[in-house]
Amino acid sequence: DCISFSVGKNILPRVVPVVAGLIARRYRLYPDRPVDILISENVQDGAALFRQLLAQGLPPDFPLNFYIGLVETSLGKMVPIQSGSDPLTMYAEPYNTLIVDRLGFIGRIPEFPEIEAVSPIDAWVAKKLYIHNLGHAATAYLGYKHNPRATYIWQVLEMPAVASEVRLAMIQAGAVLRVEFPGVFSVIEIQDHIDELLHRFSNRALGDTLHRVGRDLARKLCWDDRLAGALLLARKHCLPGTAIAEAYRAGMGFLAPDMNDTPYEPDVKLLESLSGLPPKDRVQILLACPEAVARSSAYDIQGLIDALAEGL
């Protein structure tokens, strides 16, 4: 009675409407057995996205809100780039906890030790983005800045300067989260989480590379992603974000190559297009902020542009 999706945001529009047709058939056969969908994707507002995509494959009168539970999740398991000739062999870290939205279920929450049902899920999704993803990207960008010849995440975390700067960025992001979601996370919980993540990042056996973790600058340096998103929240709450900003600036020069000594081609083209532009223009292009958001009083976009450009 549960379906789990983990195909990637760009593939979802091709897959979800097809599954919607199958769910409609299930409803005709078993109208009293609703189904829950675990949205195991790294997307924000996943339930709203799925509701929109499901509607494309369901009859207009289908009782979507009563028959289909849309369960947002927070995915924390790290999977490096896979190598080897056997496509059925996959390597990943031993972390197996799946955070799920307790309030998203229509049916019974599955009873597995690896499943942790929480509420509000928004806070946990933000925690994943602004501490885990932020810390991971900060490690890649600051590690590359300090040692452009480094290959692995564990390798740069053995440099005291990198480890210290990454930890401070994560601490600043954690303080922002506690204010943005009051009463959800304690100081000790945030600190323990940071310690655990840095330990997991340092896993030599995982073999995770700077290239994998830091590539795709157009997405990871966007206004609503891990680094800039945390900085906007810091400005909203008048909290420090200097270490996060340093990680962002480091990302603006990131071109760590893969194991074949080849940088990520879209990043090469992006940075080439920014070459020679004034600092504020470079930041503004990377943030890729829609005009409506830039003009909104809810976000200090111009203040963020000015602050990031100052250090370039």
Protein backbone atom coordinates (compact mmCIF):
# COMPACT_ATOMS: atom_id res chain seq x y z
CA ASP A 1 0.00 0.00 0.00
CA CYS A 2 3.06 2.25 -0.34
CA ILE A 3 4.80 3.48 -3.49
CA SER A 4 8.21 5.12 -3.43
CA PHE A 5 9.59 7.41 -6.11
CA SER A 6 13.31 8.07 -6.58
CA VAL A 7 13.88 8.78 -10.26
CA GLY A 8 15.06 12.41 -10.25
CA LYS A 9 13.09 15.65 -10.53
CA ASN A 10 13.51 15.95 -14.30
CA ILE A 11 12.16 12.44 -14.91
CA LEU A 12 9.09 12.76 -12.69
CA PRO A 13 6.85 14.42 -15.33
CA ARG A 14 7.32 11.36 -17.55
CA VAL A 15 6.71 8.77 -14.84
CA VAL A 16 4.13 10.11 -12.38
CA PRO A 17 1.21 10.51 -14.85
CA VAL A 18 1.70 6.89 -15.94
CA VAL A 19 1.60 5.67 -12.34
CA ALA A 20 -1.47 7.85 -11.81
CA GLY A 21 -3.29 5.79 -14.43
CA LEU A 22 -2.38 2.61 -12.54
CA ILE A 23 -3.62 4.10 -9.27
CA ALA A 24 -6.92 4.98 -10.96
CA ARG A 25 -7.26 1.32 -11.96
CA ARG A 26 -6.43 0.25 -8.41
CA TYR A 27 -9.17 2.57 -7.13
CA ARG A 28 -11.75 0.90 -9.37
CA LEU A 29 -10.73 -2.50 -7.97
CA TYR A 30 -10.05 -1.54 -4.33
CA PRO A 31 -11.79 1.76 -3.50
CA ASP A 32 -11.36 1.13 0.24
CA ARG A 33 -7.57 0.66 0.10
CA PRO A 34 -5.85 4.04 -0.27
CA VAL A 35 -2.20 4.25 -1.24
CA ASP A 36 0.64 6.36 0.19
CA ILE A 37 3.41 7.71 -2.03
CA LEU A 38 6.82 8.25 -0.42
CA ILE A 39 8.35 11.16 -2.32
CA SER A 40 11.99 10.08 -2.11
CA GLU A 41 13.26 12.97 -4.20
CA ASN A 42 15.45 15.95 -3.36
CA VAL A 43 12.75 18.49 -4.22
CA GLN A 44 11.13 21.25 -2.23
CA ASP A 45 7.32 21.24 -1.89
CA GLY A 46 7.30 17.68 -3.19
CA ALA A 47 3.66 17.05 -2.25
CA ALA A 48 2.47 20.02 -4.30
CA LEU A 49 4.55 18.90 -7.29
CA PHE A 50 3.21 15.35 -7.10
CA ARG A 51 -0.38 16.54 -6.73
CA GLN A 52 0.02 18.53 -9.94
CA LEU A 53 1.64 15.66 -11.86
CA LEU A 54 -0.84 13.05 -10.61
CA ALA A 55 -3.78 15.19 -11.71
CA GLN A 56 -2.53 14.89 -15.31
CA GLY A 57 -3.16 11.13 -15.28
CA LEU A 58 -6.27 10.91 -13.10
CA PRO A 59 -9.95 11.39 -13.99
CA PRO A 60 -11.28 14.87 -13.08
CA ASP A 61 -13.54 13.46 -10.36
CA PHE A 62 -10.86 11.25 -8.75
CA PRO A 63 -10.74 11.67 -4.92
CA LEU A 64 -7.01 12.41 -4.88
CA ASN A 65 -6.89 13.95 -1.40
CA PHE A 66 -8.75 11.00 0.14
CA TYR A 67 -7.17 8.09 -1.73
CA ILE A 68 -3.53 9.12 -2.18
CA GLY A 69 -1.26 10.13 0.68
CA LEU A 70 1.63 12.34 -0.41
CA VAL A 71 4.50 11.79 2.00
CA GLU A 72 7.48 14.12 1.71
CA THR A 73 10.80 12.74 2.87
CA SER A 74 14.29 13.89 3.74
CA LEU A 75 17.03 11.79 2.13
CA GLY A 76 20.41 11.77 3.83
CA LYS A 77 22.17 8.71 2.38
CA MET A 78 25.31 9.60 0.40
CA VAL A 79 25.99 7.66 -2.80
CA PRO A 80 29.24 8.40 -4.68
CA ILE A 81 29.69 8.14 -8.44
CA GLN A 82 29.52 4.43 -9.27
CA SER A 83 32.33 2.73 -11.14
CA GLY A 84 32.91 -0.80 -12.37
CA SER A 85 31.46 -2.96 -15.10
CA ASP A 86 28.58 -4.53 -13.14
CA PRO A 87 25.53 -2.21 -13.22
CA LEU A 88 23.95 -4.20 -10.38
CA THR A 89 26.79 -3.38 -7.97
CA MET A 90 26.29 -0.17 -6.02
CA TYR A 91 28.33 1.37 -3.24
CA ALA A 92 26.93 3.73 -0.62
CA GLU A 93 27.51 4.75 2.98
CA PRO A 94 25.90 2.66 5.78
CA TYR A 95 23.48 5.44 6.86
CA ASN A 96 19.94 4.16 6.22
CA THR A 97 17.52 6.44 8.11
CA LEU A 98 14.62 7.77 6.05
CA ILE A 99 12.85 10.83 7.49
CA VAL A 100 9.16 10.90 6.50
CA ASP A 101 6.27 13.30 7.01
CA ARG A 102 4.10 11.85 9.76
CA LEU A 103 1.12 13.95 8.63
CA GLY A 104 1.35 12.94 4.97
CA PHE A 105 0.14 9.37 5.43
CA ILE A 106 -3.43 8.27 4.81
CA GLY A 107 -2.72 4.66 5.69
CA ARG A 108 -0.60 3.19 8.48
CA ILE A 109 2.97 4.42 8.82
CA PRO A 110 5.32 1.49 7.98
CA GLU A 111 6.98 0.10 11.08
CA PHE A 112 10.66 -0.20 10.21
CA PRO A 113 13.55 0.91 12.42
CA GLU A 114 15.01 2.84 9.48
CA ILE A 115 11.89 5.01 9.10
CA GLU A 116 11.57 8.07 11.33
CA ALA A 117 8.22 9.88 11.10
CA VAL A 118 8.47 13.59 12.00
CA SER A 119 6.51 16.82 11.96
CA PRO A 120 6.78 19.49 10.67
CA ILE A 121 8.51 17.97 7.66
CA ASP A 122 9.42 21.43 6.30
CA ALA A 123 11.89 21.87 9.16
CA TRP A 124 13.57 18.54 8.45
CA VAL A 125 13.77 19.19 4.70
CA ALA A 126 15.35 22.57 5.47
CA LYS A 127 17.74 20.89 7.90
CA LYS A 128 18.88 18.50 5.17
CA LEU A 129 19.35 21.34 2.67
CA TYR A 130 20.91 23.94 4.92
CA ILE A 131 23.14 21.75 7.08
CA HIS A 132 23.85 18.50 5.19
CA ASN A 133 23.84 19.78 1.61
CA LEU A 134 25.35 23.12 2.64
CA GLY A 135 28.15 21.43 4.59
CA HIS A 136 28.87 18.99 1.78
CA ALA A 137 29.08 21.74 -0.86
CA ALA A 138 31.11 23.97 1.46
CA THR A 139 33.62 21.13 1.90
CA ALA A 140 34.01 20.76 -1.87
CA TYR A 141 34.28 24.48 -2.59
CA LEU A 142 36.55 25.44 0.30
CA GLY A 143 38.60 22.28 -0.17
CA TYR A 144 39.18 23.12 -3.83
CA LYS A 145 40.06 26.69 -2.91
CA HIS A 146 42.72 25.52 -0.44
CA ASN A 147 44.00 22.62 -2.55
CA PRO A 148 42.91 22.56 -6.23
CA ARG A 149 44.80 19.29 -6.70
CA ALA A 150 42.77 17.42 -4.06
CA THR A 151 40.43 14.66 -5.22
CA TYR A 152 38.44 13.39 -2.24
CA ILE A 153 36.16 14.96 0.35
CA TRP A 154 37.90 13.12 3.20
CA GLN A 155 41.21 14.41 1.90
CA VAL A 156 40.36 18.11 2.26
CA LEU A 157 38.67 17.60 5.63
CA GLU A 158 42.04 16.46 6.96
CA MET A 159 43.19 20.06 6.39
CA PRO A 160 42.49 21.94 9.67
CA ALA A 161 41.64 25.20 7.88
CA VAL A 162 39.03 23.54 5.67
CA ALA A 163 37.48 21.52 8.51
CA SER A 164 37.25 24.66 10.67
CA GLU A 165 35.68 26.81 7.95
CA VAL A 166 33.16 24.12 6.99
CA ARG A 167 32.16 23.54 10.60
CA LEU A 168 31.61 27.27 11.16
CA ALA A 169 29.42 27.52 8.06
CA MET A 170 27.32 24.59 9.29
CA ILE A 171 27.07 26.12 12.79
CA GLN A 172 25.86 29.42 11.33
CA ALA A 173 23.29 27.58 9.22
CA GLY A 174 22.15 25.60 12.26
CA ALA A 175 21.58 28.81 14.23
CA VAL A 176 19.47 30.15 11.36
CA LEU A 177 17.37 26.96 11.32
CA ARG A 178 16.64 27.17 15.04
CA VAL A 179 15.23 30.66 14.60
CA GLU A 180 13.34 29.88 11.40
CA PHE A 181 11.72 26.81 13.03
CA PRO A 182 11.47 27.68 16.73
CA GLY A 183 11.15 24.79 19.15
CA VAL A 184 11.94 22.06 16.63
CA PHE A 185 15.69 21.59 17.07
CA SER A 186 17.77 22.09 20.20
CA VAL A 187 21.32 23.43 20.22
CA ILE A 188 22.60 19.98 21.22
CA GLU A 189 20.65 18.27 18.41
CA ILE A 190 22.12 20.63 15.82
CA GLN A 191 25.64 20.25 17.20
CA ASP A 192 25.40 16.46 17.29
CA HIS A 193 24.07 16.44 13.74
CA ILE A 194 26.99 18.55 12.52
CA ASP A 195 29.50 16.28 14.28
CA GLU A 196 27.86 13.20 12.77
CA LEU A 197 27.85 14.68 9.26
CA LEU A 198 31.50 15.72 9.38
CA HIS A 199 32.34 12.19 10.52
CA ARG A 200 30.36 10.73 7.62
CA PHE A 201 31.90 13.18 5.12
CA SER A 202 35.33 11.94 6.28
CA ASN A 203 34.59 8.33 5.33
CA ARG A 204 37.56 7.27 3.20
CA ALA A 205 35.89 4.04 2.11
CA LEU A 206 33.06 5.99 0.47
CA GLY A 207 35.53 7.59 -1.95
CA ASP A 208 33.33 10.64 -2.53
CA THR A 209 35.01 13.27 -4.70
CA LEU A 210 35.04 17.07 -4.75
CA HIS A 211 33.89 16.83 -8.36
CA ARG A 212 30.69 14.93 -7.57
CA VAL A 213 29.80 16.92 -4.48
CA GLY A 214 30.45 20.38 -5.91
CA ARG A 215 29.53 20.17 -9.60
CA ASP A 216 26.40 21.73 -11.14
CA LEU A 217 27.03 25.32 -10.01
CA ALA A 218 23.94 26.66 -11.78
CA ARG A 219 21.80 24.65 -9.34
CA LYS A 220 23.91 24.70 -6.19
CA LEU A 221 24.64 28.45 -6.27
CA CYS A 222 21.04 29.38 -7.13
CA TRP A 223 19.17 31.79 -4.85
CA ASP A 224 16.93 29.12 -3.29
CA ASP A 225 19.48 26.34 -2.91
CA ARG A 226 21.80 25.28 -0.07
CA LEU A 227 24.17 28.25 0.28
CA ALA A 228 22.28 31.29 -0.97
CA GLY A 229 19.05 30.05 0.62
CA ALA A 230 20.73 29.83 4.02
CA LEU A 231 22.25 33.29 3.53
CA LEU A 232 18.84 34.79 2.75
CA LEU A 233 17.43 33.29 5.95
CA ALA A 234 20.41 34.64 7.89
CA ARG A 235 19.70 38.12 6.55
CA LYS A 236 16.00 37.70 7.34
CA HIS A 237 16.78 36.96 10.99
CA CYS A 238 19.77 39.34 11.27
CA LEU A 239 22.12 36.44 12.04
CA PRO A 240 25.76 36.01 10.95
CA GLY A 241 26.48 34.14 7.72
CA THR A 242 30.06 35.15 6.94
CA ALA A 243 31.37 31.57 6.79
CA ILE A 244 28.50 30.53 4.50
CA ALA A 245 29.29 33.50 2.26
CA GLU A 246 32.95 32.45 2.06
CA ALA A 247 31.86 29.00 0.92
CA TYR A 248 29.61 30.58 -1.73
CA ARG A 249 32.44 32.76 -3.04
CA ALA A 250 34.70 29.71 -3.17
CA GLY A 251 32.03 27.96 -5.24
CA MET A 252 32.19 30.75 -7.80
CA GLY A 253 35.61 29.48 -8.84
CA PHE A 254 35.01 25.74 -8.45
CA LEU A 255 36.13 23.47 -11.31
CA ALA A 256 37.35 20.30 -9.61
CA PRO A 257 37.87 17.63 -12.30
CA ASP A 258 36.57 14.08 -12.31
CA MET A 259 38.75 10.97 -12.08
CA ASN A 260 39.66 11.46 -15.75
CA ASP A 261 40.90 14.99 -14.98
CA THR A 262 37.91 16.55 -16.79
CA PRO A 263 35.85 19.35 -15.17
CA TYR A 264 32.06 19.34 -15.44
CA GLU A 265 31.42 20.88 -18.86
CA PRO A 266 28.33 22.97 -17.96
CA ASP A 267 30.31 24.53 -15.09
CA VAL A 268 33.20 25.35 -17.42
CA LYS A 269 30.83 27.11 -19.82
CA LEU A 270 29.07 28.93 -16.98
CA LEU A 271 32.27 30.30 -15.45
CA GLU A 272 33.62 31.24 -18.88
CA SER A 273 30.46 33.27 -19.51
CA LEU A 274 31.04 35.16 -16.24
CA SER A 275 34.70 35.90 -16.90
CA GLY A 276 35.45 39.63 -16.95
CA LEU A 277 32.08 40.71 -15.57
CA PRO A 278 31.85 42.99 -12.51
CA PRO A 279 31.45 41.07 -9.21
CA LYS A 280 27.82 42.13 -8.67
CA ASP A 281 26.85 40.99 -12.16
CA ARG A 282 28.52 37.62 -11.63
CA VAL A 283 26.67 37.07 -8.35
CA GLN A 284 23.36 38.18 -9.81
CA ILE A 285 23.66 35.78 -12.75
CA LEU A 286 24.60 32.86 -10.50
CA LEU A 287 21.72 33.53 -8.11
CA ALA A 288 19.35 33.35 -11.11
CA CYS A 289 16.62 34.95 -9.07
CA PRO A 290 13.24 35.53 -10.79
CA GLU A 291 12.34 39.19 -11.04
CA ALA A 292 9.21 38.72 -8.93
CA VAL A 293 11.30 37.27 -6.10
CA ALA A 294 13.97 39.95 -6.46
CA ARG A 295 11.35 42.65 -6.05
CA SER A 296 9.65 40.93 -3.12
CA SER A 297 10.14 42.42 0.32
CA ALA A 298 10.30 38.87 1.71
CA TYR A 299 13.84 38.43 0.35
CA ASP A 300 16.79 40.80 0.59
CA ILE A 301 18.20 39.74 -2.78
CA GLN A 302 19.98 43.00 -3.51
CA GLY A 303 21.53 43.04 -0.05
CA LEU A 304 22.79 39.50 -0.62
CA ILE A 305 24.27 40.44 -4.00
CA ASP A 306 26.09 43.42 -2.46
CA ALA A 307 27.40 41.37 0.47
CA LEU A 308 28.69 38.50 -1.68
CA ALA A 309 30.27 40.85 -4.23
CA GLU A 310 32.14 42.72 -1.52
CA GLY A 311 34.51 39.84 -0.89
CA LEU A 312 35.30 39.12 -4.55
